[in-house]
């Protein structure tokens, strides 16, 4: 079954979002236009002006001048969860971050955490040992650049449960968990489901690492997947449930729609935006 978004529904959703107060720890942000081009500094600034309720902004990479643009646009109380996306340019990307810090007059204290990769083990792109090597390279480069904060390797909750060696690589566990992909979980139950995954990862790591959900959300359009319905009402219910249950431990995915992305198996990947 497909959910078709009409102009009237989008208009109503926009009004709802304007009145919504978010209580999650952070939110993910990608600096791309619908066609996949880089947003300008002014466009990034406009986007960030709508994200002031979030303590942390998650970035996935360093392309599109995004580090410099977000550093310039974020509030002084906000920090960045900075991603290193391409594993063949880790040291170079740390240099890019350092240059952005210098050009904006910021400091490494503006960065909450630096993450290495995103779902590499889950996607079969790397083994645990390979991720360990990537993290080691990142730690060396970051230390040389003056960063003394947290370093993590982001993967899915199930990848960590099935590969507990990942627990040893990060200063805390940073995992992605989307209730929509659980066939038996409805939107209203998304919060308890996410909390269960936090607990499962904590136990998988023998209670030695705290757990932060670095992606969680719900699509407002796309296919129905079992009990998971993709609709504006379902997204609202899921976000409320997630924030009410574990808001301090989650980053919402994502700030805006990723229309530049592939629709994915269930036609939902472009419709996770929480602000329209």
Protein backbone atom coordinates (compact mmCIF):
# COMPACT_ATOMS: atom_id res chain seq x y z
CA UNK A 1 0.00 0.00 0.00
CA UNK A 2 1.28 3.47 -0.86
CA UNK A 3 0.63 6.70 1.00
CA UNK A 4 0.33 9.66 -1.35
CA UNK A 5 1.03 13.06 0.17
CA UNK A 6 -1.21 15.85 -1.12
CA UNK A 7 -0.52 19.57 -1.01
CA UNK A 8 -3.25 20.04 1.61
CA UNK A 9 -1.77 17.37 3.87
CA UNK A 10 1.69 18.90 3.56
CA UNK A 11 0.28 22.32 4.38
CA UNK A 12 -1.46 20.97 7.47
CA UNK A 13 1.68 19.11 8.49
CA UNK A 14 3.72 22.30 8.22
CA UNK A 15 1.37 24.03 10.64
CA UNK A 16 1.61 21.11 13.06
CA UNK A 17 5.41 21.14 12.91
CA UNK A 18 5.56 24.87 13.55
CA UNK A 19 3.69 24.30 16.79
CA UNK A 20 5.69 21.25 17.82
CA UNK A 21 8.32 21.51 20.54
CA UNK A 22 11.07 18.93 20.24
CA UNK A 23 12.68 17.39 23.30
CA UNK A 24 15.24 15.03 21.79
CA UNK A 25 18.95 15.41 22.55
CA UNK A 26 19.92 16.05 18.96
CA UNK A 27 18.95 15.90 15.30
CA UNK A 28 20.70 14.74 12.14
CA UNK A 29 21.33 17.26 9.39
CA UNK A 30 22.50 16.89 5.78
CA UNK A 31 23.41 20.01 3.74
CA UNK A 32 21.96 18.94 0.39
CA UNK A 33 19.25 20.35 -1.84
CA UNK A 34 16.50 18.07 -3.16
CA UNK A 35 18.59 17.49 -6.29
CA UNK A 36 21.67 16.57 -4.26
CA UNK A 37 23.61 19.80 -4.73
CA UNK A 38 25.36 21.53 -1.85
CA UNK A 39 23.31 24.07 0.05
CA UNK A 40 24.76 27.55 0.31
CA UNK A 41 25.95 29.04 3.59
CA UNK A 42 22.78 31.15 3.77
CA UNK A 43 20.58 28.11 3.16
CA UNK A 44 22.38 26.20 5.93
CA UNK A 45 21.95 29.19 8.23
CA UNK A 46 18.22 29.25 7.46
CA UNK A 47 17.98 25.53 8.22
CA UNK A 48 19.89 25.83 11.49
CA UNK A 49 17.62 28.68 12.63
CA UNK A 50 14.84 26.07 12.77
CA UNK A 51 16.86 23.64 14.89
CA UNK A 52 17.59 25.77 17.94
CA UNK A 53 15.69 23.42 20.27
CA UNK A 54 18.30 20.70 19.76
CA UNK A 55 21.43 20.60 21.88
CA UNK A 56 23.46 18.64 19.31
CA UNK A 57 23.52 18.68 15.50
CA UNK A 58 24.68 15.46 13.85
CA UNK A 59 26.68 15.80 10.63
CA UNK A 60 27.68 12.76 8.59
CA UNK A 61 30.65 14.17 6.70
CA UNK A 62 32.75 17.16 5.76
CA UNK A 63 31.76 17.78 2.12
CA UNK A 64 29.84 20.82 0.88
CA UNK A 65 31.71 23.06 3.34
CA UNK A 66 29.18 21.84 5.88
CA UNK A 67 31.45 21.94 8.93
CA UNK A 68 32.33 25.60 8.41
CA UNK A 69 28.74 26.54 7.51
CA UNK A 70 27.22 24.79 10.54
CA UNK A 71 29.86 26.17 12.89
CA UNK A 72 29.01 29.65 11.65
CA UNK A 73 25.24 29.12 11.87
CA UNK A 74 24.70 27.15 15.09
CA UNK A 75 24.00 28.81 18.41
CA UNK A 76 26.77 29.15 20.98
CA UNK A 77 25.05 26.57 23.19
CA UNK A 78 24.89 23.92 20.48
CA UNK A 79 27.60 21.37 19.72
CA UNK A 80 28.26 19.14 16.72
CA UNK A 81 28.34 15.34 16.52
CA UNK A 82 30.76 15.27 13.62
CA UNK A 83 30.99 12.37 11.22
CA UNK A 84 33.94 11.08 9.20
CA UNK A 85 32.19 9.37 6.31
CA UNK A 86 34.80 8.22 3.82
CA UNK A 87 37.23 5.74 5.33
CA UNK A 88 39.89 6.41 2.70
CA UNK A 89 40.24 10.06 3.72
CA UNK A 90 40.00 10.05 7.51
CA UNK A 91 43.13 12.07 8.19
CA UNK A 92 42.33 14.53 5.40
CA UNK A 93 38.81 15.06 6.77
CA UNK A 94 40.19 15.79 10.23
CA UNK A 95 42.29 18.46 8.49
CA UNK A 96 39.12 19.84 6.91
CA UNK A 97 37.49 20.12 10.33
CA UNK A 98 40.57 21.86 11.73
CA UNK A 99 40.51 24.35 8.85
CA UNK A 100 36.81 25.05 9.48
CA UNK A 101 37.54 25.68 13.15
CA UNK A 102 40.28 28.15 12.23
CA UNK A 103 38.24 29.98 9.60
CA UNK A 104 35.23 30.47 11.89
CA UNK A 105 37.08 31.21 15.12
CA UNK A 106 35.51 28.15 16.71
CA UNK A 107 37.29 25.49 18.77
CA UNK A 108 37.25 21.73 19.29
CA UNK A 109 34.94 22.36 22.26
CA UNK A 110 32.23 23.01 19.67
CA UNK A 111 32.32 19.29 18.87
CA UNK A 112 30.57 16.89 21.20
CA UNK A 113 31.82 13.73 19.50
CA UNK A 114 33.58 12.62 16.32
CA UNK A 115 32.14 9.50 14.70
CA UNK A 116 33.93 7.14 12.34
CA UNK A 117 31.75 5.66 9.60
CA UNK A 118 28.04 4.96 9.64
CA UNK A 119 26.65 1.40 9.72
CA UNK A 120 29.78 -0.09 8.12
CA UNK A 121 29.41 -3.51 9.72
CA UNK A 122 25.65 -3.59 9.27
CA UNK A 123 26.03 -2.85 5.55
CA UNK A 124 28.81 -5.39 5.07
CA UNK A 125 31.28 -2.67 4.11
CA UNK A 126 33.78 -3.47 6.87
CA UNK A 127 34.62 -6.06 9.51
CA UNK A 128 34.99 -5.22 13.18
CA UNK A 129 38.77 -5.37 12.79
CA UNK A 130 38.65 -2.97 9.86
CA UNK A 131 36.49 -0.54 11.82
CA UNK A 132 38.99 -0.80 14.67
CA UNK A 133 41.76 0.28 12.28
CA UNK A 134 39.66 3.21 11.05
CA UNK A 135 38.95 4.34 14.60
CA UNK A 136 42.63 4.07 15.50
CA UNK A 137 43.59 6.27 12.52
CA UNK A 138 40.92 8.79 13.49
CA UNK A 139 42.06 8.91 17.11
CA UNK A 140 45.65 9.57 16.03
CA UNK A 141 44.67 12.34 13.61
CA UNK A 142 42.24 13.93 16.06
CA UNK A 143 44.73 13.85 18.91
CA UNK A 144 47.34 15.54 16.73
CA UNK A 145 44.78 18.19 15.79
CA UNK A 146 43.97 18.89 19.44
CA UNK A 147 40.66 17.07 19.90
CA UNK A 148 40.35 15.34 23.28
CA UNK A 149 36.63 14.48 23.20
CA UNK A 150 34.67 11.32 22.48
CA UNK A 151 35.35 9.14 19.45
CA UNK A 152 32.81 6.52 18.37
CA UNK A 153 32.02 4.14 15.52
CA UNK A 154 28.32 4.39 14.63
CA UNK A 155 26.50 1.22 13.62
CA UNK A 156 23.03 -0.27 14.01
CA UNK A 157 21.84 -1.75 17.29
CA UNK A 158 21.64 -5.21 15.74
CA UNK A 159 25.18 -4.98 14.35
CA UNK A 160 26.48 -4.29 17.87
CA UNK A 161 24.43 -7.09 19.41
CA UNK A 162 25.72 -9.53 16.79
CA UNK A 163 29.28 -8.15 16.89
CA UNK A 164 30.05 -7.21 20.52
CA UNK A 165 33.63 -6.52 19.54
CA UNK A 166 32.31 -3.13 18.42
CA UNK A 167 31.82 -2.30 22.10
CA UNK A 168 35.57 -2.04 22.57
CA UNK A 169 36.10 0.60 19.90
CA UNK A 170 34.00 3.52 21.10
CA UNK A 171 34.05 5.80 24.13
CA UNK A 172 30.30 5.19 24.34
CA UNK A 173 27.91 3.22 22.13
CA UNK A 174 26.44 5.25 19.27
CA UNK A 175 23.80 3.23 17.44
CA UNK A 176 21.00 3.76 14.92
CA UNK A 177 17.59 2.22 15.64
CA UNK A 178 14.43 2.73 13.58
CA UNK A 179 11.23 1.18 14.87
CA UNK A 180 9.56 1.37 11.43
CA UNK A 181 11.72 -1.54 10.27
CA UNK A 182 10.35 -3.78 13.01
CA UNK A 183 7.40 -5.45 11.27
CA UNK A 184 5.40 -5.79 14.51
CA UNK A 185 5.85 -2.29 15.95
CA UNK A 186 3.28 0.44 15.38
CA UNK A 187 4.18 4.13 15.49
CA UNK A 188 2.63 4.71 18.92
CA UNK A 189 4.94 2.05 20.36
CA UNK A 190 8.14 3.41 18.82
CA UNK A 191 9.44 4.86 22.09
CA UNK A 192 9.31 1.64 24.15
CA UNK A 193 10.83 -0.20 21.18
CA UNK A 194 13.77 2.23 21.02
CA UNK A 195 14.26 1.97 24.79
CA UNK A 196 14.40 -1.81 24.45
CA UNK A 197 17.20 -1.52 21.88
CA UNK A 198 19.14 0.81 24.19
CA UNK A 199 18.89 -1.82 26.89
CA UNK A 200 19.88 -4.64 24.54
CA UNK A 201 23.01 -2.80 23.40
CA UNK A 202 23.90 -1.96 26.99
CA UNK A 203 23.70 -5.65 27.94
CA UNK A 204 25.61 -6.70 24.79
CA UNK A 205 28.43 -4.45 25.97
CA UNK A 206 28.28 -5.92 29.50
CA UNK A 207 26.97 -2.68 30.96
CA UNK A 208 30.35 -1.03 30.43
CA UNK A 209 29.28 1.67 27.97
CA UNK A 210 26.46 4.18 27.93
CA UNK A 211 24.25 4.11 24.84
CA UNK A 212 23.13 6.97 22.58
CA UNK A 213 20.70 6.46 19.71
CA UNK A 214 22.20 8.51 16.88
CA UNK A 215 19.32 7.96 14.46
CA UNK A 216 15.68 7.27 15.15
CA UNK A 217 12.53 8.57 13.56
CA UNK A 218 9.54 7.63 11.42
CA UNK A 219 8.61 8.23 7.77
CA UNK A 220 5.50 10.24 6.94
CA UNK A 221 5.11 8.73 3.47
CA UNK A 222 5.90 5.45 1.74
CA UNK A 223 4.87 1.83 2.11
CA UNK A 224 3.09 0.17 5.00
CA UNK A 225 5.35 -2.49 6.53
CA UNK A 226 3.34 -4.78 8.79
CA UNK A 227 2.19 -2.72 11.76
CA UNK A 228 4.32 0.21 10.60
CA UNK A 229 2.25 2.73 8.68
CA UNK A 230 4.01 5.62 6.94
CA UNK A 231 1.77 8.67 7.39
CA UNK A 232 1.84 12.13 8.90
CA UNK A 233 -0.24 10.95 11.85
CA UNK A 234 2.03 7.97 12.41
CA UNK A 235 5.15 10.12 12.30
CA UNK A 236 3.68 12.48 14.88
CA UNK A 237 2.73 9.56 17.14
CA UNK A 238 6.14 7.94 16.80
CA UNK A 239 8.11 11.12 17.50
CA UNK A 240 5.98 11.83 20.57
CA UNK A 241 6.46 8.29 21.84
CA UNK A 242 10.22 8.34 21.24
CA UNK A 243 10.76 11.70 22.91
CA UNK A 244 8.46 10.92 25.85
CA UNK A 245 10.23 7.60 26.47
CA UNK A 246 13.91 8.39 25.85
CA UNK A 247 14.32 11.94 24.55
CA UNK A 248 17.60 12.60 26.37
CA UNK A 249 19.16 9.54 24.73
CA UNK A 250 18.20 10.04 21.07
CA UNK A 251 18.96 12.05 17.94
CA UNK A 252 15.95 12.40 15.67
CA UNK A 253 16.31 11.48 12.01
CA UNK A 254 16.19 13.76 10.24
CA UNK A 255 15.86 17.53 10.38
CA UNK A 256 14.56 17.78 6.82
CA UNK A 257 13.60 15.39 4.03
CA UNK A 258 16.38 13.69 2.11
CA UNK A 259 14.79 13.97 -1.34
CA UNK A 260 18.24 13.50 -2.88
CA UNK A 261 18.47 9.96 -1.44
CA UNK A 262 17.32 6.71 -3.04
CA UNK A 263 13.70 5.88 -2.10
CA UNK A 264 14.83 2.53 -0.67
CA UNK A 265 13.06 -0.81 -0.46
CA UNK A 266 9.90 0.59 1.15
CA UNK A 267 9.82 3.94 -0.64
CA UNK A 268 10.36 5.82 2.63
CA UNK A 269 13.97 7.02 2.72
CA UNK A 270 13.13 10.47 1.37
CA UNK A 271 10.38 11.17 3.91
CA UNK A 272 11.86 11.20 7.39
CA UNK A 273 12.02 14.99 7.72
CA UNK A 274 10.57 16.28 10.97
CA UNK A 275 10.34 19.86 9.66
CA UNK A 276 8.54 20.62 6.40
